[in-house]
Amino acid sequence: MTEAGRPPAVILGGSFNSLSVARALGRQGIPVHALGDGAGGSLVSHSRYLRSYLDVASSATAADEWMAWLRTGPRGAVLLPCSDGALEFIARHRAELVEMGYCPAASADEVTLAMLDKERTYELARAVGVPAPRTAAVSTVDEVRKAGAAMDFPCALKPRHSHLFARAFGSKALIVDDAEELEAAFRATNEHGLEMIVTEIIPGDDSRYCSYYSYLDDDGTPLFHFTKRKPRQNPPGFGLGTFHVTDWVPDAAELGLRFFTGVGLRGVGNVEFKRDSRDGQLKIIECNPRFTAADKLVQRAGIDMATISYRRALGLPVTAPTTFRRGVTQWHPVEDWHAFRAYRALGQLSTVSWLRSLARPTGLPMFDPRDPRPSSVYAVAFAQRGLRFTRRRLASLIAGRRSR
């Protein structure tokens, strides 16, 4: 395929990552379309680089609505997944999508589906020599009781499929302090028909989280090596990153590449680890074979995964990055404020240390002076939520005084 024509890109699902992908490609003159995933309020829909946006009714109907749109969509377009649901959609429908004339992002589909299953991910990690937490898949109350007896508390009840769990509970995991809480948490998840695992919590504070990113070509050759740290997340322990910093973490790169090559991953890959305070080993937490919420950080550090993925899907050559900028940060101000307060309450972070970490130029996940509308829309929505909260608090205080 030649450079002429610049085939469109269609982004499926996502949030911050879909916005960074749209900007990276749109700035090159590539027509970009985005299909929502029912999460609501997608910021990418406000980007100047978007040609069209499909707002789907709900995450449960997203796959059907995507397929309906694609039946009349721009043939020859590259399909780029930005959510777990999108990964599953492409993995299960690749042949049909190719027959329709699309170019789905490269991946080993069976591996992708395995990465969407946390228990299968851990099984594969152990098989290729990558340390993993102790886990137990559970489907009955008896299995939960047996797993609880073998675990140290606190432990976590995690979903095998995160995107299905998030629809019902809006979090990554349920932390439990004893066997009674574990059983109650399992009963709650079981009502939604979710497959769950009981997992140990790797000890150590959140500064021990780090990640490895790469893109593996068709023959398994990594096109680049990138690592970062995630010092803070909200909520602490099992949350979304609120402050990231690029850094070279050699053992994360070594273990990450061992995992990717061992399981046969192709295309974009991200694997997260946590360093165990008991033995100093990195233990795998999860693998995301797609763009993540830190995609803009990776771009700012010098690696444009969106363009690499787009070009490889079209069979075009890419110039592989040989290095990346270290010390680049990404800060989510509102979320990090809540994280800071939680860490401070736990005695893990002082005000001075928090402010010191911010005393350098940092990047914001949404703001781009060339494309200001998404961050403006977010700021207005945040101000409106704050105003509604203030009004409710004032009304509650006034009602309380009147009742005295």
Protein backbone atom coordinates (compact mmCIF):
# COMPACT_ATOMS: atom_id res chain seq x y z
CA MET A 1 0.00 0.00 0.00
CA THR A 2 1.27 3.50 -0.82
CA GLU A 3 1.19 6.73 1.18
CA ALA A 4 -1.47 8.16 -1.15
CA GLY A 5 -5.05 8.46 0.01
CA ARG A 6 -4.45 8.33 3.76
CA PRO A 7 -7.11 5.75 4.67
CA PRO A 8 -9.35 6.76 7.58
CA ALA A 9 -8.95 5.53 11.13
CA VAL A 10 -11.90 4.33 13.21
CA ILE A 11 -11.38 4.40 16.98
CA LEU A 12 -13.48 1.98 19.01
CA GLY A 13 -14.32 2.82 22.63
CA GLY A 14 -11.96 4.36 25.16
CA SER A 15 -11.65 7.65 27.03
CA PHE A 16 -8.38 9.58 27.44
CA ASN A 17 -6.65 7.11 25.14
CA SER A 18 -9.14 7.57 22.30
CA LEU A 19 -8.59 11.33 22.51
CA SER A 20 -4.80 11.03 22.30
CA VAL A 21 -5.07 8.59 19.38
CA ALA A 22 -7.47 10.88 17.49
CA ARG A 23 -5.15 13.85 17.94
CA ALA A 24 -2.02 11.93 16.93
CA LEU A 25 -3.58 10.77 13.67
CA GLY A 26 -5.76 13.80 12.96
CA ARG A 27 -2.77 16.16 13.08
CA GLN A 28 -1.32 14.20 10.15
CA GLY A 29 -4.42 14.81 8.05
CA ILE A 30 -5.75 11.29 8.53
CA PRO A 31 -9.58 11.26 8.65
CA VAL A 32 -10.62 10.01 12.09
CA HIS A 33 -13.97 8.61 13.21
CA ALA A 34 -14.78 7.42 16.73
CA LEU A 35 -17.37 4.98 18.01
CA GLY A 36 -18.39 5.40 21.65
CA ASP A 37 -18.78 2.49 24.06
CA GLY A 38 -21.73 3.63 26.14
CA ALA A 39 -19.61 4.93 29.01
CA GLY A 40 -21.08 8.41 28.51
CA GLY A 41 -19.51 11.82 28.08
CA SER A 42 -16.71 10.74 25.74
CA LEU A 43 -14.32 13.65 25.39
CA VAL A 44 -13.10 12.55 21.98
CA SER A 45 -16.49 13.52 20.55
CA HIS A 46 -15.51 17.19 21.08
CA SER A 47 -12.15 16.97 19.31
CA ARG A 48 -11.56 19.15 16.24
CA TYR A 49 -9.78 16.20 14.62
CA LEU A 50 -12.88 14.02 14.49
CA ARG A 51 -14.90 13.62 11.28
CA SER A 52 -17.79 11.78 12.98
CA TYR A 53 -18.75 10.24 16.31
CA LEU A 54 -21.20 7.44 17.12
CA ASP A 55 -22.79 7.76 20.56
CA VAL A 56 -24.04 4.28 21.46
CA ALA A 57 -26.89 3.58 23.86
CA SER A 58 -24.97 1.44 26.37
CA SER A 59 -21.91 -0.74 26.76
CA ALA A 60 -24.16 -3.79 26.51
CA THR A 61 -25.26 -2.82 22.98
CA ALA A 62 -21.97 -1.29 21.80
CA ALA A 63 -20.80 -4.29 19.73
CA ASP A 64 -24.08 -4.49 17.80
CA GLU A 65 -24.13 -0.74 17.16
CA TRP A 66 -20.49 -0.76 16.05
CA MET A 67 -21.18 -3.52 13.56
CA ALA A 68 -24.25 -1.70 12.20
CA TRP A 69 -22.20 1.48 11.70
CA LEU A 70 -19.31 -0.39 10.10
CA ARG A 71 -21.60 -2.02 7.54
CA THR A 72 -21.93 1.39 5.89
CA GLY A 73 -18.69 2.92 7.16
CA PRO A 74 -15.53 3.99 5.28
CA ARG A 75 -14.04 0.91 3.61
CA GLY A 76 -10.29 0.59 3.88
CA ALA A 77 -10.26 2.25 7.32
CA VAL A 78 -7.93 1.10 10.08
CA LEU A 79 -9.77 -0.10 13.21
CA LEU A 80 -8.04 0.84 16.47
CA PRO A 81 -9.34 -0.59 19.78
CA CYS A 82 -9.20 1.66 22.85
CA SER A 83 -11.19 -0.45 25.31
CA ASP A 84 -11.41 -4.07 26.42
CA GLY A 85 -14.80 -4.35 24.74
CA ALA A 86 -13.24 -3.16 21.49
CA LEU A 87 -10.43 -5.71 21.81
CA GLU A 88 -12.98 -8.48 22.19
CA PHE A 89 -15.04 -7.15 19.28
CA ILE A 90 -12.11 -7.16 16.86
CA ALA A 91 -10.76 -10.50 18.11
CA ARG A 92 -14.11 -12.22 17.56
CA HIS A 93 -15.01 -10.52 14.27
CA ARG A 94 -11.65 -10.00 12.53
CA ALA A 95 -12.43 -12.23 9.53
CA GLU A 96 -15.79 -10.55 8.95
CA LEU A 97 -14.30 -7.07 9.33
CA VAL A 98 -11.52 -7.86 6.84
CA GLU A 99 -14.09 -9.26 4.40
CA MET A 100 -16.01 -5.99 4.74
CA GLY A 101 -12.88 -4.13 3.65
CA TYR A 102 -11.46 -2.91 6.96
CA CYS A 103 -7.92 -3.14 8.32
CA PRO A 104 -8.14 -4.09 12.02
CA ALA A 105 -5.11 -3.31 14.17
CA ALA A 106 -2.66 -6.21 14.25
CA SER A 107 -2.94 -8.67 17.12
CA ALA A 108 -2.85 -12.37 17.92
CA ASP A 109 -6.56 -12.69 18.63
CA GLU A 110 -6.44 -15.79 20.82
CA VAL A 111 -3.76 -14.12 22.94
CA THR A 112 -5.86 -10.96 23.14
CA LEU A 113 -8.84 -12.92 24.45
CA ALA A 114 -6.59 -14.63 26.99
CA MET A 115 -5.33 -11.23 28.21
CA LEU A 116 -8.93 -10.16 28.83
CA ASP A 117 -9.18 -13.03 31.34
CA LYS A 118 -7.13 -12.20 34.46
CA GLU A 119 -6.82 -15.81 35.62
CA ARG A 120 -5.68 -16.96 32.18
CA THR A 121 -3.19 -14.07 32.09
CA TYR A 122 -1.66 -15.23 35.37
CA GLU A 123 -1.56 -18.85 34.22
CA LEU A 124 0.31 -17.89 31.05
CA ALA A 125 2.68 -15.64 33.01
CA ARG A 126 3.68 -18.47 35.33
CA ALA A 127 4.13 -20.78 32.34
CA VAL A 128 6.71 -18.44 30.75
CA GLY A 129 8.56 -17.68 33.98
CA VAL A 130 7.00 -14.33 34.91
CA PRO A 131 6.08 -14.08 38.62
CA ALA A 132 2.38 -13.60 39.38
CA PRO A 133 0.23 -13.19 42.51
CA ARG A 134 -1.33 -16.20 44.23
CA THR A 135 -4.85 -16.56 42.87
CA ALA A 136 -7.80 -18.91 42.94
CA ALA A 137 -10.67 -18.94 40.46
CA VAL A 138 -13.99 -19.21 42.30
CA SER A 139 -17.49 -20.00 41.09
CA THR A 140 -19.21 -21.32 44.24
CA VAL A 141 -19.41 -20.30 47.89
CA ASP A 142 -17.50 -23.45 48.85
CA GLU A 143 -14.66 -22.49 46.52
CA VAL A 144 -14.65 -18.98 48.00
CA ARG A 145 -14.36 -20.38 51.52
CA LYS A 146 -11.56 -22.69 50.45
CA ALA A 147 -9.69 -19.84 48.72
CA GLY A 148 -10.17 -17.57 51.72
CA ALA A 149 -8.68 -20.18 54.04
CA ALA A 150 -5.53 -20.28 51.90
CA MET A 151 -5.12 -16.48 51.55
CA ASP A 152 -3.81 -13.85 53.91
CA PHE A 153 -6.19 -10.99 54.62
CA PRO A 154 -6.73 -8.39 53.39
CA CYS A 155 -7.04 -9.88 49.92
CA ALA A 156 -8.98 -8.92 46.82
CA LEU A 157 -11.87 -10.31 44.83
CA LYS A 158 -11.11 -9.43 41.22
CA PRO A 159 -13.06 -10.05 38.01
CA ARG A 160 -11.67 -12.36 35.38
CA HIS A 161 -13.03 -9.88 32.81
CA SER A 162 -12.56 -6.31 33.98
CA HIS A 163 -14.78 -4.61 31.39
CA LEU A 164 -17.80 -6.70 32.43
CA PHE A 165 -17.15 -6.04 36.13
CA ALA A 166 -16.80 -2.29 35.58
CA ARG A 167 -20.32 -2.10 34.14
CA ALA A 168 -21.77 -3.33 37.43
CA PHE A 169 -19.34 -2.08 40.08
CA GLY A 170 -17.36 0.76 38.51
CA SER A 171 -14.07 -0.35 40.08
CA LYS A 172 -11.17 -2.74 39.47
CA ALA A 173 -11.59 -5.01 42.50
CA LEU A 174 -13.24 -5.46 45.88
CA ILE A 175 -10.89 -5.37 48.89
CA VAL A 176 -11.96 -7.62 51.77
CA ASP A 177 -10.59 -7.83 55.30
CA ASP A 178 -11.89 -11.23 56.40
CA ALA A 179 -13.66 -14.39 55.27
CA GLU A 180 -17.11 -12.98 55.98
CA GLU A 181 -16.50 -9.93 53.78
CA LEU A 182 -15.08 -12.16 51.04
CA GLU A 183 -18.16 -14.33 50.97
CA ALA A 184 -20.48 -11.31 50.97
CA ALA A 185 -18.53 -9.72 48.11
CA PHE A 186 -18.69 -12.94 46.10
CA ARG A 187 -22.46 -13.22 46.59
CA ALA A 188 -22.83 -9.64 45.32
CA THR A 189 -20.79 -10.33 42.17
CA ASN A 190 -22.48 -13.67 41.64
CA GLU A 191 -25.83 -11.89 41.30
CA HIS A 192 -24.44 -10.32 38.12
CA GLY A 193 -23.16 -13.62 36.76
CA LEU A 194 -19.54 -12.48 36.88
CA GLU A 195 -16.56 -14.84 36.89
CA MET A 196 -14.22 -13.94 39.76
CA ILE A 197 -10.85 -14.77 41.26
CA VAL A 198 -9.53 -14.36 44.78
CA THR A 199 -6.05 -12.86 44.72
CA GLU A 200 -3.44 -11.90 47.22
CA ILE A 201 -2.57 -8.21 47.47
CA ILE A 202 1.09 -7.73 46.61
CA PRO A 203 2.54 -5.89 49.63
CA GLY A 204 4.22 -2.52 49.28
CA ASP A 205 3.06 1.02 48.57
CA ASP A 206 1.84 2.22 45.20
CA SER A 207 5.21 3.70 44.22
CA ARG A 208 6.16 0.09 43.40
CA TYR A 209 3.93 -0.01 40.30
CA CYS A 210 5.61 0.15 36.90
CA SER A 211 4.76 -0.76 33.31
CA TYR A 212 6.37 -1.88 30.07
CA TYR A 213 5.08 -0.98 26.59
CA SER A 214 6.07 -2.19 23.15
CA TYR A 215 4.77 -3.07 19.72
CA LEU A 216 5.58 -6.56 18.45
CA ASP A 217 5.67 -6.94 14.69
CA ASP A 218 4.35 -9.96 12.78
CA ASP A 219 7.50 -11.97 13.49
CA GLY A 220 7.55 -11.03 17.18
CA THR A 221 10.21 -8.32 16.85
CA PRO A 222 9.70 -5.50 19.40
CA LEU A 223 9.78 -2.10 17.66
CA PHE A 224 10.55 -0.15 20.84
CA HIS A 225 10.95 -0.47 24.60
CA PHE A 226 9.23 1.96 26.99
CA THR A 227 8.79 1.87 30.76
CA LYS A 228 7.13 4.16 33.29
CA ARG A 229 6.24 4.31 36.96
CA LYS A 230 2.83 4.97 38.52
CA PRO A 231 3.46 6.47 41.98
CA ARG A 232 -0.18 7.30 42.70
CA GLN A 233 -3.64 6.01 41.83
CA ASN A 234 -7.18 6.57 43.00
CA PRO A 235 -8.33 4.78 45.02
CA PRO A 236 -5.00 3.59 46.45
CA GLY A 237 -4.18 -0.06 45.86
CA PHE A 238 -6.58 -0.84 43.02
CA GLY A 239 -7.36 2.34 41.14
CA LEU A 240 -6.67 4.37 38.03
CA GLY A 241 -3.32 6.13 37.77
CA THR A 242 -3.39 9.79 38.77
CA PHE A 243 0.33 10.58 38.42
CA HIS A 244 2.74 8.88 36.03
CA VAL A 245 6.43 9.44 35.28
CA THR A 246 8.55 7.96 32.51
CA ASP A 247 11.64 6.13 33.71
CA TRP A 248 13.81 3.25 32.59
CA VAL A 249 13.00 0.16 34.67
CA PRO A 250 15.29 -2.58 33.32
CA ASP A 251 13.68 -5.59 34.99
CA ALA A 252 10.21 -4.43 33.92
CA ALA A 253 11.44 -4.30 30.32
CA GLU A 254 13.08 -7.71 30.60
CA LEU A 255 10.08 -9.40 32.20
CA GLY A 256 7.62 -7.56 29.96
CA LEU A 257 9.36 -8.66 26.78
CA ARG A 258 9.68 -12.21 28.15
CA PHE A 259 5.94 -12.24 28.76
CA PHE A 260 5.00 -10.79 25.36
CA THR A 261 7.25 -13.15 23.39
CA GLY A 262 6.39 -16.13 25.57
CA VAL A 263 2.62 -15.83 25.11
CA GLY A 264 2.87 -14.81 21.45
CA LEU A 265 1.47 -11.28 21.72
CA ARG A 266 1.43 -9.17 18.54
CA GLY A 267 0.77 -5.48 18.03
CA VAL A 268 0.46 -2.96 20.88
CA GLY A 269 1.19 -4.33 24.33
CA ASN A 270 1.27 -2.94 27.86
CA VAL A 271 1.96 -5.01 30.96
CA GLU A 272 1.83 -3.66 34.51
CA PHE A 273 3.86 -4.97 37.44
CA LYS A 274 4.19 -4.31 41.15
CA ARG A 275 7.42 -4.85 43.04
CA ASP A 276 6.78 -7.19 45.99
CA SER A 277 8.20 -5.75 49.23
CA ARG A 278 8.79 -9.29 50.52
CA ASP A 279 11.29 -10.41 47.89
CA GLY A 280 11.87 -7.42 45.60
CA GLN A 281 10.45 -9.30 42.60
CA LEU A 282 8.14 -7.72 40.07
CA LYS A 283 4.77 -9.50 39.93
CA ILE A 284 2.46 -9.14 36.96
CA ILE A 285 -0.78 -7.26 37.64
CA GLU A 286 -2.41 -7.07 34.23
CA CYS A 287 -1.78 -6.94 30.49
CA ASN A 288 -3.54 -4.53 28.12
CA PRO A 289 -2.92 -5.28 24.41
CA ARG A 290 -4.18 -1.81 23.43
CA PHE A 291 -3.64 1.91 23.99
CA THR A 292 -4.02 2.87 27.66
CA ALA A 293 -4.97 6.03 29.54
CA ALA A 294 -1.27 6.95 29.60
CA ASP A 295 -1.01 7.01 25.80
CA LYS A 296 -0.50 10.78 25.72
CA LEU A 297 2.40 10.40 28.16
CA VAL A 298 4.02 7.83 25.86
CA GLN A 299 3.57 10.25 22.93
CA ARG A 300 5.11 13.14 24.86
CA ALA A 301 8.07 10.92 25.71
CA GLY A 302 8.69 10.41 22.00
CA ILE A 303 6.83 7.23 21.00
CA ASP A 304 3.71 7.55 18.84
CA MET A 305 2.03 4.16 19.23
CA ALA A 306 -1.08 5.30 17.37
CA THR A 307 0.86 6.06 14.19
CA ILE A 308 2.91 2.87 14.52
CA SER A 309 -0.25 0.78 14.86
CA TYR A 310 -2.02 2.62 12.02
CA ARG A 311 0.88 2.21 9.61
CA ARG A 312 1.51 -1.44 10.43
CA ALA A 313 -2.18 -2.26 9.93
CA LEU A 314 -1.80 -0.88 6.40
CA GLY A 315 1.45 -2.71 5.77
CA LEU A 316 3.47 0.51 5.70
CA PRO A 317 7.01 0.75 7.10
CA VAL A 318 7.65 2.51 10.41
CA THR A 319 10.70 4.11 11.92
CA ALA A 320 11.20 2.33 15.23
CA PRO A 321 12.04 4.66 18.14
CA THR A 322 15.37 3.81 19.76
CA THR A 323 14.86 5.73 23.02
CA PHE A 324 12.40 7.87 24.96
CA ARG A 325 12.52 10.91 27.20
CA ARG A 326 12.77 10.11 30.91
CA GLY A 327 11.24 12.20 33.66
CA VAL A 328 8.15 13.14 31.62
CA THR A 329 5.05 13.26 33.83
CA GLN A 330 1.29 13.09 33.40
CA TRP A 331 -0.98 14.47 36.10
CA HIS A 332 -4.73 14.09 36.58
CA PRO A 333 -5.35 17.08 38.90
CA VAL A 334 -8.80 16.30 40.31
CA GLU A 335 -8.24 12.57 40.68
CA ASP A 336 -4.77 13.10 42.12
CA TRP A 337 -6.14 15.51 44.74
CA HIS A 338 -8.45 12.75 45.96
CA ALA A 339 -5.57 10.25 45.82
CA PHE A 340 -3.34 12.59 47.83
CA ARG A 341 -5.97 12.95 50.56
CA ALA A 342 -6.36 9.16 50.75
CA TYR A 343 -2.59 8.57 50.91
CA ARG A 344 -2.21 11.27 53.55
CA ALA A 345 -4.94 9.67 55.66
CA LEU A 346 -3.04 6.37 55.40
CA GLY A 347 0.16 8.10 56.49
CA GLN A 348 1.84 7.29 53.17
CA LEU A 349 2.25 10.78 51.69
CA SER A 350 2.86 14.20 53.22
CA THR A 351 1.67 17.49 51.76
CA VAL A 352 5.27 18.57 51.17
CA SER A 353 6.11 15.36 49.28
CA TRP A 354 2.99 15.66 47.15
CA LEU A 355 3.73 19.28 46.23
CA ARG A 356 7.37 18.45 45.55
CA SER A 357 6.32 15.80 43.02
CA LEU A 358 4.37 18.48 41.14
CA ALA A 359 7.15 21.10 41.18
CA ARG A 360 8.12 20.44 37.57
CA PRO A 361 6.49 20.91 34.17
CA THR A 362 3.83 18.24 33.76
CA GLY A 363 1.35 17.14 31.15
CA LEU A 364 -2.40 16.97 31.52
CA PRO A 365 -4.23 14.04 29.92
CA MET A 366 -6.81 16.17 28.09
CA PHE A 367 -5.36 19.62 27.52
CA ASP A 368 -3.93 20.49 24.13
CA PRO A 369 -3.76 24.15 22.99
CA ARG A 370 -4.32 22.99 19.39
CA ASP A 371 -7.50 21.15 20.40
CA PRO A 372 -8.90 22.95 23.49
CA ARG A 373 -12.57 22.00 23.33
CA PRO A 374 -12.38 18.57 25.07
CA SER A 375 -10.64 19.99 28.15
CA SER A 376 -12.98 23.02 28.17
CA VAL A 377 -16.02 20.75 28.10
CA TYR A 378 -14.55 18.69 30.93
CA ALA A 379 -13.80 21.82 33.01
CA VAL A 380 -17.34 23.14 32.58
CA ALA A 381 -18.85 19.77 33.52
CA PHE A 382 -16.60 19.56 36.57
CA ALA A 383 -17.59 23.08 37.68
CA GLN A 384 -21.26 22.22 37.27
CA ARG A 385 -20.86 19.06 39.37
CA GLY A 386 -19.07 21.08 42.04
CA LEU A 387 -21.82 23.69 42.07
CA ARG A 388 -24.53 21.02 42.42
CA PHE A 389 -22.60 19.40 45.27
CA THR A 390 -22.21 22.75 47.06
CA ARG A 391 -25.90 23.51 46.70
CA ARG A 392 -26.84 20.10 48.15
CA ARG A 393 -24.49 20.59 51.10
CA LEU A 394 -25.88 24.05 51.81
CA ALA A 395 -29.45 22.81 51.56
CA SER A 396 -28.62 19.98 53.98
CA LEU A 397 -27.03 22.36 56.46
CA ILE A 398 -29.98 24.75 56.32
CA ALA A 399 -32.47 21.91 56.77
CA GLY A 400 -30.47 20.62 59.74
CA ARG A 401 -30.52 23.98 61.48
CA ARG A 402 -34.26 24.40 60.93
CA SER A 403 -34.95 21.00 62.48
CA ARG A 404 -33.19 21.92 65.74
